[in-house]
Amino acid sequence: MSFSPQAPLSLVVGYSGGLDSTVLLHLMHRMQQRLPQLFSLSAIHVHHGLQPAAEAFKSQAIAFCDQLSLPLQVMHVAIPEAEIGRLGLEAAARRYRYQAFAKCLPPAAVLLLAHHRDDLIETALLQWIRGAGLEGLSAMTRLSSAEIEGRMITRWRPLLDHSRQALLDYAQSEGLRWVEDPSNADRSLARNRIRHEVMPILRSIREGADSAMSRSISHLQTARDLLELVTDQALEQSRLPGGMLNVELLFMQDEALAARIIRGWLKHHGAPTPPTRRLTEFLRQLREAREPFAQMDLSEPGSAEIWRVVRERGHLRIAR
């Protein structure tokens, strides 16, 4: 297995202690040994304490980083039960993990994640059966940026073209040790059912199904990038001073593009984005309304912060 990164100055691996991130950290350490002047390397381990194996993962992270003589930060995170109930265990753990990464990443550092091709396909299938749109189906990209905890975080997934089997073969050939996540065998989790039940069937139907599905996701990502470019250009044309939107220019666009413009506008201002059905209904009301005033609630029921989109005469503004 090999890859050739165009690496920045500071690379930080999100290290769980499992197979995938152990392989990633080992590969990056080997590369840094060969090219020490190219980048610095360190690791972050987030301790959720959500499963009995949490201490074993932490011990593995400490031991392996000691073995490689790499700096390691261990972040202890407590996830409120209410958040787990609202988001689900996997989503809540992911959100708090990224928040922990954002708090301790050095300035201008790039966060390396160990997602591989199997993760890419499983995520796309999960999004598909949830009825996700283009963004959801193509969400996992090799290089991406996101605002987390008030700062822009660059995420790099160097292993996205490689299968889990390739990672396992590499780890065994190098004599690496890691901790197996016991939840990976839990068939009550949708991702595991896709991994252990759905994917074997798809592979039996068509040889090379993994590579073909990965290519399809890449095509979706290209289409999404092009659509984002068109949306950004249309949004720029519709802007008014003070962060408002020109309603007349908005209505000159196709309904689907108008919805994307509003989503991009809300995202730019850090506002929550409404479900597609609610946004479509709001656009219909705006087009048909005789009165110059209309509004749409953005906040979830019970939310501490109240967000609204308000139409006043010829413009839209965000109200809190």
C-alpha atoms as a PDB file:
ATOM      1  CA  MET A   1       0.000   0.000   0.000  1.00  0.00           C
ATOM      2  CA  SER A   2       1.314   3.441  -0.845  1.00  0.00           C
ATOM      3  CA  PHE A   3       0.171   7.013  -1.340  1.00  0.00           C
ATOM      4  CA  SER A   4       1.985  10.271  -2.009  1.00  0.00           C
ATOM      5  CA  PRO A   5       0.550  13.230  -0.089  1.00  0.00           C
ATOM      6  CA  GLN A   6       1.162  16.866  -0.786  1.00  0.00           C
ATOM      7  CA  ALA A   7       1.562  17.369   2.919  1.00  0.00           C
ATOM      8  CA  PRO A   8       1.292  20.585   4.895  1.00  0.00           C
ATOM      9  CA  LEU A   9       3.539  21.598   7.768  1.00  0.00           C
ATOM     10  CA  SER A  10       1.574  20.082  10.649  1.00  0.00           C
ATOM     11  CA  LEU A  11      -0.311  16.783  10.382  1.00  0.00           C
ATOM     12  CA  VAL A  12      -2.389  15.418  13.265  1.00  0.00           C
ATOM     13  CA  VAL A  13      -3.855  11.908  13.103  1.00  0.00           C
ATOM     14  CA  GLY A  14      -7.156  11.226  14.828  1.00  0.00           C
ATOM     15  CA  TYR A  15      -6.045   7.997  16.512  1.00  0.00           C
ATOM     16  CA  SER A  16      -8.595   5.654  18.065  1.00  0.00           C
ATOM     17  CA  GLY A  17      -6.311   2.667  18.625  1.00  0.00           C
ATOM     18  CA  GLY A  18      -8.285   0.529  16.166  1.00  0.00           C
ATOM     19  CA  LEU A  19      -7.043  -1.113  12.972  1.00  0.00           C
ATOM     20  CA  ASP A  20      -7.674   1.727  10.524  1.00  0.00           C
ATOM     21  CA  SER A  21      -6.066   4.569  12.442  1.00  0.00           C
ATOM     22  CA  THR A  22      -3.175   2.329  13.551  1.00  0.00           C
ATOM     23  CA  VAL A  23      -2.341   1.665   9.891  1.00  0.00           C
ATOM     24  CA  LEU A  24      -2.669   5.355   9.030  1.00  0.00           C
ATOM     25  CA  LEU A  25      -0.429   6.475  11.889  1.00  0.00           C
ATOM     26  CA  HIS A  26       2.172   3.818  11.042  1.00  0.00           C
ATOM     27  CA  LEU A  27       2.218   4.835   7.358  1.00  0.00           C
ATOM     28  CA  MET A  28       2.526   8.535   8.155  1.00  0.00           C
ATOM     29  CA  HIS A  29       5.276   7.871  10.695  1.00  0.00           C
ATOM     30  CA  ARG A  30       7.199   5.831   8.124  1.00  0.00           C
ATOM     31  CA  MET A  31       6.846   8.653   5.609  1.00  0.00           C
ATOM     32  CA  GLN A  32       7.960  11.246   8.142  1.00  0.00           C
ATOM     33  CA  GLN A  33      11.033   9.161   8.934  1.00  0.00           C
ATOM     34  CA  ARG A  34      11.985   9.343   5.276  1.00  0.00           C
ATOM     35  CA  LEU A  35      11.066  13.021   4.840  1.00  0.00           C
ATOM     36  CA  PRO A  36      11.450  14.653   8.275  1.00  0.00           C
ATOM     37  CA  GLN A  37      11.733  18.127   6.790  1.00  0.00           C
ATOM     38  CA  LEU A  38       8.370  17.862   5.012  1.00  0.00           C
ATOM     39  CA  PHE A  39       5.922  17.831   7.943  1.00  0.00           C
ATOM     40  CA  SER A  40       5.524  17.340  11.671  1.00  0.00           C
ATOM     41  CA  LEU A  41       3.358  14.493  12.941  1.00  0.00           C
ATOM     42  CA  SER A  42       1.342  13.973  16.111  1.00  0.00           C
ATOM     43  CA  ALA A  43      -1.847  12.227  17.225  1.00  0.00           C
ATOM     44  CA  ILE A  44      -5.039  12.944  19.153  1.00  0.00           C
ATOM     45  CA  HIS A  45      -7.037  10.286  20.988  1.00  0.00           C
ATOM     46  CA  VAL A  46     -10.586  11.104  22.107  1.00  0.00           C
ATOM     47  CA  HIS A  47     -11.767   9.078  25.104  1.00  0.00           C
ATOM     48  CA  HIS A  48     -15.586   8.928  25.157  1.00  0.00           C
ATOM     49  CA  GLY A  49     -15.897   6.306  27.851  1.00  0.00           C
ATOM     50  CA  LEU A  50     -18.962   4.952  26.047  1.00  0.00           C
ATOM     51  CA  GLN A  51     -17.963   1.277  25.976  1.00  0.00           C
ATOM     52  CA  PRO A  52     -16.050  -1.171  28.192  1.00  0.00           C
ATOM     53  CA  ALA A  53     -13.144  -1.224  25.716  1.00  0.00           C
ATOM     54  CA  ALA A  54     -12.560   2.542  26.048  1.00  0.00           C
ATOM     55  CA  GLU A  55      -9.617   2.098  28.427  1.00  0.00           C
ATOM     56  CA  ALA A  56      -8.071  -0.532  26.149  1.00  0.00           C
ATOM     57  CA  PHE A  57      -8.255   1.888  23.206  1.00  0.00           C
ATOM     58  CA  LYS A  58      -6.633   4.606  25.300  1.00  0.00           C
ATOM     59  CA  SER A  59      -3.846   2.269  26.461  1.00  0.00           C
ATOM     60  CA  GLN A  60      -3.184   1.192  22.871  1.00  0.00           C
ATOM     61  CA  ALA A  61      -2.994   4.829  21.743  1.00  0.00           C
ATOM     62  CA  ILE A  62      -0.487   5.697  24.466  1.00  0.00           C
ATOM     63  CA  ALA A  63       1.625   2.572  23.903  1.00  0.00           C
ATOM     64  CA  PHE A  64       1.768   2.877  20.110  1.00  0.00           C
ATOM     65  CA  CYS A  65       2.640   6.575  20.155  1.00  0.00           C
ATOM     66  CA  ASP A  66       5.353   5.845  22.729  1.00  0.00           C
ATOM     67  CA  GLN A  67       6.671   3.100  20.448  1.00  0.00           C
ATOM     68  CA  LEU A  68       6.823   5.545  17.518  1.00  0.00           C
ATOM     69  CA  SER A  69       8.082   8.434  19.705  1.00  0.00           C
ATOM     70  CA  LEU A  70       5.175  10.595  18.540  1.00  0.00           C
ATOM     71  CA  PRO A  71       3.403  13.300  20.576  1.00  0.00           C
ATOM     72  CA  LEU A  72      -0.092  12.274  21.692  1.00  0.00           C
ATOM     73  CA  GLN A  73      -2.913  14.310  23.200  1.00  0.00           C
ATOM     74  CA  VAL A  74      -5.641  12.401  25.038  1.00  0.00           C
ATOM     75  CA  MET A  75      -8.948  14.265  25.251  1.00  0.00           C
ATOM     76  CA  HIS A  76     -11.595  13.034  27.704  1.00  0.00           C
ATOM     77  CA  VAL A  77     -15.111  13.823  26.512  1.00  0.00           C
ATOM     78  CA  ALA A  78     -18.376  13.438  28.412  1.00  0.00           C
ATOM     79  CA  ILE A  79     -21.428  13.177  26.168  1.00  0.00           C
ATOM     80  CA  PRO A  80     -24.735  14.072  27.855  1.00  0.00           C
ATOM     81  CA  GLU A  81     -27.364  11.338  27.761  1.00  0.00           C
ATOM     82  CA  ALA A  82     -29.792  13.851  26.272  1.00  0.00           C
ATOM     83  CA  GLU A  83     -27.487  14.341  23.279  1.00  0.00           C
ATOM     84  CA  ILE A  84     -27.200  10.584  22.755  1.00  0.00           C
ATOM     85  CA  GLY A  85     -30.976  10.305  22.901  1.00  0.00           C
ATOM     86  CA  ARG A  86     -31.440  13.172  20.444  1.00  0.00           C
ATOM     87  CA  LEU A  87     -28.727  12.310  17.915  1.00  0.00           C
ATOM     88  CA  GLY A  88     -28.097   8.615  18.430  1.00  0.00           C
ATOM     89  CA  LEU A  89     -24.908   7.152  19.868  1.00  0.00           C
ATOM     90  CA  GLU A  90     -22.806   7.166  16.685  1.00  0.00           C
ATOM     91  CA  ALA A  91     -23.760  10.703  15.627  1.00  0.00           C
ATOM     92  CA  ALA A  92     -23.324  12.130  19.137  1.00  0.00           C
ATOM     93  CA  ALA A  93     -19.901  10.495  19.513  1.00  0.00           C
ATOM     94  CA  ARG A  94     -18.852  11.855  16.125  1.00  0.00           C
ATOM     95  CA  ARG A  95     -19.984  15.395  16.950  1.00  0.00           C
ATOM     96  CA  TYR A  96     -18.193  15.507  20.298  1.00  0.00           C
ATOM     97  CA  ARG A  97     -15.106  13.871  18.818  1.00  0.00           C
ATOM     98  CA  TYR A  98     -14.819  16.579  16.163  1.00  0.00           C
ATOM     99  CA  GLN A  99     -15.361  19.262  18.791  1.00  0.00           C
ATOM    100  CA  ALA A 100     -12.486  17.779  20.801  1.00  0.00           C
ATOM    101  CA  PHE A 101     -10.276  17.723  17.705  1.00  0.00           C
ATOM    102  CA  ALA A 102     -11.052  21.378  17.020  1.00  0.00           C
ATOM    103  CA  LYS A 103     -10.176  22.425  20.565  1.00  0.00           C
ATOM    104  CA  CYS A 104      -6.686  20.932  20.560  1.00  0.00           C
ATOM    105  CA  LEU A 105      -5.529  21.079  16.922  1.00  0.00           C
ATOM    106  CA  PRO A 106      -2.556  23.422  16.471  1.00  0.00           C
ATOM    107  CA  PRO A 107      -3.136  26.470  14.242  1.00  0.00           C
ATOM    108  CA  ALA A 108      -3.070  25.633  10.513  1.00  0.00           C
ATOM    109  CA  ALA A 109      -2.817  21.902  11.261  1.00  0.00           C
ATOM    110  CA  VAL A 110      -4.546  19.331   9.075  1.00  0.00           C
ATOM    111  CA  LEU A 111      -6.567  16.573  10.724  1.00  0.00           C
ATOM    112  CA  LEU A 112      -5.949  13.120   9.214  1.00  0.00           C
ATOM    113  CA  LEU A 113      -8.768  10.578   9.413  1.00  0.00           C
ATOM    114  CA  ALA A 114      -8.476   6.857   8.692  1.00  0.00           C
ATOM    115  CA  HIS A 115     -11.670   6.326   6.693  1.00  0.00           C
ATOM    116  CA  HIS A 116     -11.209   3.794   3.897  1.00  0.00           C
ATOM    117  CA  ARG A 117     -13.163   2.675   0.831  1.00  0.00           C
ATOM    118  CA  ASP A 118     -15.481   0.383   2.804  1.00  0.00           C
ATOM    119  CA  ASP A 119     -16.420   3.327   5.055  1.00  0.00           C
ATOM    120  CA  LEU A 120     -17.080   5.457   1.974  1.00  0.00           C
ATOM    121  CA  ILE A 121     -19.474   2.922   0.446  1.00  0.00           C
ATOM    122  CA  GLU A 122     -21.237   2.095   3.723  1.00  0.00           C
ATOM    123  CA  THR A 123     -21.805   5.784   4.430  1.00  0.00           C
ATOM    124  CA  ALA A 124     -23.234   6.383   0.949  1.00  0.00           C
ATOM    125  CA  LEU A 125     -25.599   3.411   1.290  1.00  0.00           C
ATOM    126  CA  LEU A 126     -26.760   4.605   4.715  1.00  0.00           C
ATOM    127  CA  GLN A 127     -27.442   8.056   3.305  1.00  0.00           C
ATOM    128  CA  TRP A 128     -29.245   6.538   0.327  1.00  0.00           C
ATOM    129  CA  ILE A 129     -31.738   4.548   2.418  1.00  0.00           C
ATOM    130  CA  ARG A 130     -32.341   7.675   4.518  1.00  0.00           C
ATOM    131  CA  GLY A 131     -33.361   9.577   1.391  1.00  0.00           C
ATOM    132  CA  ALA A 132     -30.340  11.893   1.371  1.00  0.00           C
ATOM    133  CA  GLY A 133     -29.649  14.278  -1.478  1.00  0.00           C
ATOM    134  CA  LEU A 134     -26.480  14.853  -3.435  1.00  0.00           C
ATOM    135  CA  GLU A 135     -24.596  16.292  -0.450  1.00  0.00           C
ATOM    136  CA  GLY A 136     -25.356  13.313   1.757  1.00  0.00           C
ATOM    137  CA  LEU A 137     -24.528  10.715  -0.885  1.00  0.00           C
ATOM    138  CA  SER A 138     -21.161  12.328  -1.618  1.00  0.00           C
ATOM    139  CA  ALA A 139     -20.330  13.661   1.851  1.00  0.00           C
ATOM    140  CA  MET A 140     -17.119  11.717   2.540  1.00  0.00           C
ATOM    141  CA  THR A 141     -14.351  13.298   0.484  1.00  0.00           C
ATOM    142  CA  ARG A 142     -10.589  12.949   0.467  1.00  0.00           C
ATOM    143  CA  LEU A 143      -9.994  16.590   1.380  1.00  0.00           C
ATOM    144  CA  SER A 144     -12.584  18.851   3.000  1.00  0.00           C
ATOM    145  CA  SER A 145     -12.983  21.795   5.344  1.00  0.00           C
ATOM    146  CA  ALA A 146     -15.624  22.496   7.960  1.00  0.00           C
ATOM    147  CA  GLU A 147     -16.218  25.125  10.611  1.00  0.00           C
ATOM    148  CA  ILE A 148     -16.076  23.453  14.031  1.00  0.00           C
ATOM    149  CA  GLU A 149     -16.014  25.305  17.344  1.00  0.00           C
ATOM    150  CA  GLY A 150     -15.629  28.618  15.524  1.00  0.00           C
ATOM    151  CA  ARG A 151     -12.582  27.630  13.451  1.00  0.00           C
ATOM    152  CA  MET A 152     -12.055  26.128  10.020  1.00  0.00           C
ATOM    153  CA  ILE A 153     -10.711  22.588  10.209  1.00  0.00           C
ATOM    154  CA  THR A 154      -9.144  20.902   7.183  1.00  0.00           C
ATOM    155  CA  ARG A 155      -9.719  17.133   7.087  1.00  0.00           C
ATOM    156  CA  TRP A 156      -7.669  14.742   4.964  1.00  0.00           C
ATOM    157  CA  ARG A 157      -8.509  11.066   4.385  1.00  0.00           C
ATOM    158  CA  PRO A 158      -5.429   9.529   2.701  1.00  0.00           C
ATOM    159  CA  LEU A 159      -6.746   5.937   2.777  1.00  0.00           C
ATOM    160  CA  LEU A 160     -10.063   6.514   1.026  1.00  0.00           C
ATOM    161  CA  ASP A 161      -9.008   4.561  -2.087  1.00  0.00           C
ATOM    162  CA  HIS A 162      -7.972   1.488  -0.068  1.00  0.00           C
ATOM    163  CA  SER A 163     -10.183  -1.338   1.194  1.00  0.00           C
ATOM    164  CA  ARG A 164     -10.364  -2.482   4.786  1.00  0.00           C
ATOM    165  CA  GLN A 165      -8.859  -5.795   3.660  1.00  0.00           C
ATOM    166  CA  ALA A 166      -5.832  -3.942   2.273  1.00  0.00           C
ATOM    167  CA  LEU A 167      -5.391  -2.214   5.637  1.00  0.00           C
ATOM    168  CA  LEU A 168      -5.674  -5.543   7.452  1.00  0.00           C
ATOM    169  CA  ASP A 169      -3.104  -7.145   5.134  1.00  0.00           C
ATOM    170  CA  TYR A 170      -0.705  -4.245   5.745  1.00  0.00           C
ATOM    171  CA  ALA A 171      -1.141  -4.378   9.530  1.00  0.00           C
ATOM    172  CA  GLN A 172      -0.510  -8.115   9.634  1.00  0.00           C
ATOM    173  CA  SER A 173       2.530  -7.888   7.357  1.00  0.00           C
ATOM    174  CA  GLU A 174       4.015  -5.193   9.623  1.00  0.00           C
ATOM    175  CA  GLY A 175       3.177  -7.033  12.842  1.00  0.00           C
ATOM    176  CA  LEU A 176       1.039  -4.163  14.138  1.00  0.00           C
ATOM    177  CA  ARG A 177      -1.215  -4.464  17.170  1.00  0.00           C
ATOM    178  CA  TRP A 178      -4.579  -2.769  17.593  1.00  0.00           C
ATOM    179  CA  VAL A 179      -7.802  -3.008  19.589  1.00  0.00           C
ATOM    180  CA  GLU A 180     -10.878  -4.505  17.933  1.00  0.00           C
ATOM    181  CA  ASP A 181     -14.020  -2.441  18.425  1.00  0.00           C
ATOM    182  CA  PRO A 182     -16.586  -4.872  19.913  1.00  0.00           C
ATOM    183  CA  SER A 183     -19.442  -2.824  18.442  1.00  0.00           C
ATOM    184  CA  ASN A 184     -18.309  -3.830  14.929  1.00  0.00           C
ATOM    185  CA  ALA A 185     -19.984  -7.211  15.470  1.00  0.00           C
ATOM    186  CA  ASP A 186     -23.301  -5.723  16.617  1.00  0.00           C
ATOM    187  CA  ARG A 187     -25.814  -6.571  13.861  1.00  0.00           C
ATOM    188  CA  SER A 188     -28.428  -4.268  15.418  1.00  0.00           C
ATOM    189  CA  LEU A 189     -26.454  -1.313  14.011  1.00  0.00           C
ATOM    190  CA  ALA A 190     -27.395  -0.399  10.439  1.00  0.00           C
ATOM    191  CA  ARG A 191     -23.792   0.139   9.342  1.00  0.00           C
ATOM    192  CA  ASN A 192     -22.804  -3.329  10.506  1.00  0.00           C
ATOM    193  CA  ARG A 193     -25.730  -4.959   8.714  1.00  0.00           C
ATOM    194  CA  ILE A 194     -24.624  -3.234   5.507  1.00  0.00           C
ATOM    195  CA  ARG A 195     -21.034  -4.378   6.091  1.00  0.00           C
ATOM    196  CA  HIS A 196     -21.773  -7.995   7.002  1.00  0.00           C
ATOM    197  CA  GLU A 197     -25.010  -8.713   5.103  1.00  0.00           C
ATOM    198  CA  VAL A 198     -25.594  -6.270   2.232  1.00  0.00           C
ATOM    199  CA  MET A 199     -22.065  -5.873   0.848  1.00  0.00           C
ATOM    200  CA  PRO A 200     -21.382  -9.636   0.504  1.00  0.00           C
ATOM    201  CA  ILE A 201     -24.571  -9.937  -1.584  1.00  0.00           C
ATOM    202  CA  LEU A 202     -23.588  -7.011  -3.811  1.00  0.00           C
ATOM    203  CA  ARG A 203     -20.123  -8.501  -4.313  1.00  0.00           C
ATOM    204  CA  SER A 204     -21.676 -11.841  -5.278  1.00  0.00           C
ATOM    205  CA  ILE A 205     -23.878 -10.112  -7.861  1.00  0.00           C
ATOM    206  CA  ARG A 206     -21.062  -8.194  -9.515  1.00  0.00           C
ATOM    207  CA  GLU A 207     -17.330  -8.700  -9.326  1.00  0.00           C
ATOM    208  CA  GLY A 208     -15.560  -5.446  -8.521  1.00  0.00           C
ATOM    209  CA  ALA A 209     -18.685  -3.930  -6.959  1.00  0.00           C
ATOM    210  CA  ASP A 210     -16.626  -1.980  -4.418  1.00  0.00           C
ATOM    211  CA  SER A 211     -14.502  -0.256  -7.047  1.00  0.00           C
ATOM    212  CA  ALA A 212     -17.555   0.461  -9.206  1.00  0.00           C
ATOM    213  CA  MET A 213     -19.507   1.992  -6.311  1.00  0.00           C
ATOM    214  CA  SER A 214     -16.493   4.064  -5.323  1.00  0.00           C
ATOM    215  CA  ARG A 215     -16.333   5.438  -8.883  1.00  0.00           C
ATOM    216  CA  SER A 216     -20.041   6.283  -8.777  1.00  0.00           C
ATOM    217  CA  ILE A 217     -19.538   8.212  -5.548  1.00  0.00           C
ATOM    218  CA  SER A 218     -16.648  10.066  -7.181  1.00  0.00           C
ATOM    219  CA  HIS A 219     -18.966  11.039 -10.060  1.00  0.00           C
ATOM    220  CA  LEU A 220     -21.507  12.324  -7.522  1.00  0.00           C
ATOM    221  CA  GLN A 221     -18.800  14.382  -5.822  1.00  0.00           C
ATOM    222  CA  THR A 222     -17.856  15.956  -9.161  1.00  0.00           C
ATOM    223  CA  ALA A 223     -21.505  16.803  -9.843  1.00  0.00           C
ATOM    224  CA  ARG A 224     -21.870  18.246  -6.345  1.00  0.00           C
ATOM    225  CA  ASP A 225     -18.781  20.425  -6.769  1.00  0.00           C
ATOM    226  CA  LEU A 226     -20.146  21.805 -10.044  1.00  0.00           C
ATOM    227  CA  LEU A 227     -23.557  22.452  -8.500  1.00  0.00           C
ATOM    228  CA  GLU A 228     -21.932  24.212  -5.546  1.00  0.00           C
ATOM    229  CA  LEU A 229     -20.067  26.480  -7.962  1.00  0.00           C
ATOM    230  CA  VAL A 230     -23.312  27.394  -9.746  1.00  0.00           C
ATOM    231  CA  THR A 231     -25.041  27.958  -6.385  1.00  0.00           C
ATOM    232  CA  ASP A 232     -22.236  30.171  -5.077  1.00  0.00           C
ATOM    233  CA  GLN A 233     -22.376  32.331  -8.204  1.00  0.00           C
ATOM    234  CA  ALA A 234     -26.165  32.680  -7.991  1.00  0.00           C
ATOM    235  CA  LEU A 235     -25.966  33.456  -4.261  1.00  0.00           C
ATOM    236  CA  GLU A 236     -23.424  36.190  -4.872  1.00  0.00           C
ATOM    237  CA  GLN A 237     -25.737  37.778  -7.447  1.00  0.00           C
ATOM    238  CA  SER A 238     -28.676  37.686  -5.004  1.00  0.00           C
ATOM    239  CA  ARG A 239     -26.889  39.250  -2.027  1.00  0.00           C
ATOM    240  CA  LEU A 240     -27.861  42.630  -0.615  1.00  0.00           C
ATOM    241  CA  PRO A 241     -25.947  44.801   1.878  1.00  0.00           C
ATOM    242  CA  GLY A 242     -26.348  43.741   5.495  1.00  0.00           C
ATOM    243  CA  GLY A 243     -26.349  40.029   4.736  1.00  0.00           C
ATOM    244  CA  MET A 244     -29.814  40.041   3.132  1.00  0.00           C
ATOM    245  CA  LEU A 245     -31.117  38.344  -0.033  1.00  0.00           C
ATOM    246  CA  ASN A 246     -32.901  39.981  -2.963  1.00  0.00           C
ATOM    247  CA  VAL A 247     -36.269  38.210  -3.291  1.00  0.00           C
ATOM    248  CA  GLU A 248     -36.855  39.302  -6.881  1.00  0.00           C
ATOM    249  CA  LEU A 249     -33.507  37.915  -8.046  1.00  0.00           C
ATOM    250  CA  LEU A 250     -34.095  34.760  -6.002  1.00  0.00           C
ATOM    251  CA  PHE A 251     -37.392  34.118  -7.787  1.00  0.00           C
ATOM    252  CA  MET A 252     -35.715  34.418 -11.173  1.00  0.00           C
ATOM    253  CA  GLN A 253     -33.961  31.131 -10.407  1.00  0.00           C
ATOM    254  CA  ASP A 254     -35.262  27.593 -10.815  1.00  0.00           C
ATOM    255  CA  GLU A 255     -37.020  26.426  -7.633  1.00  0.00           C
ATOM    256  CA  ALA A 256     -34.350  23.820  -6.861  1.00  0.00           C
ATOM    257  CA  LEU A 257     -31.565  26.374  -7.293  1.00  0.00           C
ATOM    258  CA  ALA A 258     -33.470  28.933  -5.202  1.00  0.00           C
ATOM    259  CA  ALA A 259     -33.650  26.381  -2.374  1.00  0.00           C
ATOM    260  CA  ARG A 260     -29.908  25.736  -2.661  1.00  0.00           C
ATOM    261  CA  ILE A 261     -29.230  29.492  -2.597  1.00  0.00           C
ATOM    262  CA  ILE A 262     -31.170  29.849   0.656  1.00  0.00           C
ATOM    263  CA  ARG A 263     -29.361  26.855   2.168  1.00  0.00           C
ATOM    264  CA  GLY A 264     -25.980  28.301   1.201  1.00  0.00           C
ATOM    265  CA  TRP A 265     -26.970  31.699   2.581  1.00  0.00           C
ATOM    266  CA  LEU A 266     -28.077  30.195   5.912  1.00  0.00           C
ATOM    267  CA  LYS A 267     -24.925  28.090   6.170  1.00  0.00           C
ATOM    268  CA  HIS A 268     -22.752  31.152   5.513  1.00  0.00           C
ATOM    269  CA  HIS A 269     -24.384  32.925   8.461  1.00  0.00           C
ATOM    270  CA  GLY A 270     -24.167  29.910  10.774  1.00  0.00           C
ATOM    271  CA  ALA A 271     -27.945  29.424  10.839  1.00  0.00           C
ATOM    272  CA  PRO A 272     -29.605  25.998  10.959  1.00  0.00           C
ATOM    273  CA  THR A 273     -30.924  24.725   7.634  1.00  0.00           C
ATOM    274  CA  PRO A 274     -34.547  23.520   7.482  1.00  0.00           C
ATOM    275  CA  PRO A 275     -35.670  20.169   6.070  1.00  0.00           C
ATOM    276  CA  THR A 276     -36.305  20.144   2.330  1.00  0.00           C
ATOM    277  CA  ARG A 277     -40.080  19.879   2.735  1.00  0.00           C
ATOM    278  CA  ARG A 278     -40.278  22.959   4.964  1.00  0.00           C
ATOM    279  CA  LEU A 279     -37.983  24.986   2.724  1.00  0.00           C
ATOM    280  CA  THR A 280     -39.968  24.039  -0.400  1.00  0.00           C
ATOM    281  CA  GLU A 281     -43.209  25.071   1.299  1.00  0.00           C
ATOM    282  CA  PHE A 282     -41.682  28.390   2.388  1.00  0.00           C
ATOM    283  CA  LEU A 283     -40.582  29.146  -1.178  1.00  0.00           C
ATOM    284  CA  ARG A 284     -44.079  28.343  -2.422  1.00  0.00           C
ATOM    285  CA  GLN A 285     -45.589  30.704   0.145  1.00  0.00           C
ATOM    286  CA  LEU A 286     -43.141  33.440  -0.818  1.00  0.00           C
ATOM    287  CA  ARG A 287     -44.042  33.139  -4.491  1.00  0.00           C
ATOM    288  CA  GLU A 288     -47.794  33.112  -3.876  1.00  0.00           C
ATOM    289  CA  ALA A 289     -48.027  35.579  -0.984  1.00  0.00           C
ATOM    290  CA  ARG A 290     -49.837  38.822  -1.604  1.00  0.00           C
ATOM    291  CA  GLU A 291     -48.540  40.338   1.611  1.00  0.00           C
ATOM    292  CA  PRO A 292     -44.931  41.593   1.676  1.00  0.00           C
ATOM    293  CA  PHE A 293     -44.271  39.842   5.016  1.00  0.00           C
ATOM    294  CA  ALA A 294     -43.585  36.135   5.646  1.00  0.00           C
ATOM    295  CA  GLN A 295     -41.346  34.081   7.920  1.00  0.00           C
ATOM    296  CA  MET A 296     -39.986  30.563   8.439  1.00  0.00           C
ATOM    297  CA  ASP A 297     -38.809  29.090  11.736  1.00  0.00           C
ATOM    298  CA  LEU A 298     -35.407  27.392  11.506  1.00  0.00           C
ATOM    299  CA  SER A 299     -34.894  26.192  15.076  1.00  0.00           C
ATOM    300  CA  GLU A 300     -35.818  22.727  16.272  1.00  0.00           C
ATOM    301  CA  PRO A 301     -38.662  22.531  18.832  1.00  0.00           C
ATOM    302  CA  GLY A 302     -37.316  23.204  22.315  1.00  0.00           C
ATOM    303  CA  SER A 303     -34.099  24.783  21.048  1.00  0.00           C
ATOM    304  CA  ALA A 304     -32.584  27.483  23.263  1.00  0.00           C
ATOM    305  CA  GLU A 305     -31.837  29.658  20.224  1.00  0.00           C
ATOM    306  CA  ILE A 306     -34.613  30.908  17.962  1.00  0.00           C
ATOM    307  CA  TRP A 307     -33.721  31.420  14.296  1.00  0.00           C
ATOM    308  CA  ARG A 308     -36.073  32.689  11.600  1.00  0.00           C
ATOM    309  CA  VAL A 309     -35.956  33.737   7.974  1.00  0.00           C
ATOM    310  CA  VAL A 310     -38.074  36.862   7.545  1.00  0.00           C
ATOM    311  CA  ARG A 311     -39.317  38.423   4.316  1.00  0.00           C
ATOM    312  CA  GLU A 312     -39.803  42.164   4.466  1.00  0.00           C
ATOM    313  CA  ARG A 313     -40.822  43.778   1.193  1.00  0.00           C
ATOM    314  CA  GLY A 314     -38.176  42.886  -1.381  1.00  0.00           C
ATOM    315  CA  HIS A 315     -35.617  41.101   0.771  1.00  0.00           C
ATOM    316  CA  LEU A 316     -35.002  38.172   3.104  1.00  0.00           C
ATOM    317  CA  ARG A 317     -33.119  38.537   6.367  1.00  0.00           C
ATOM    318  CA  ILE A 318     -32.114  36.212   9.188  1.00  0.00           C
ATOM    319  CA  ALA A 319     -33.567  37.004  12.616  1.00  0.00           C
ATOM    320  CA  ARG A 320     -32.574  35.602  16.013  1.00  0.00           C
END
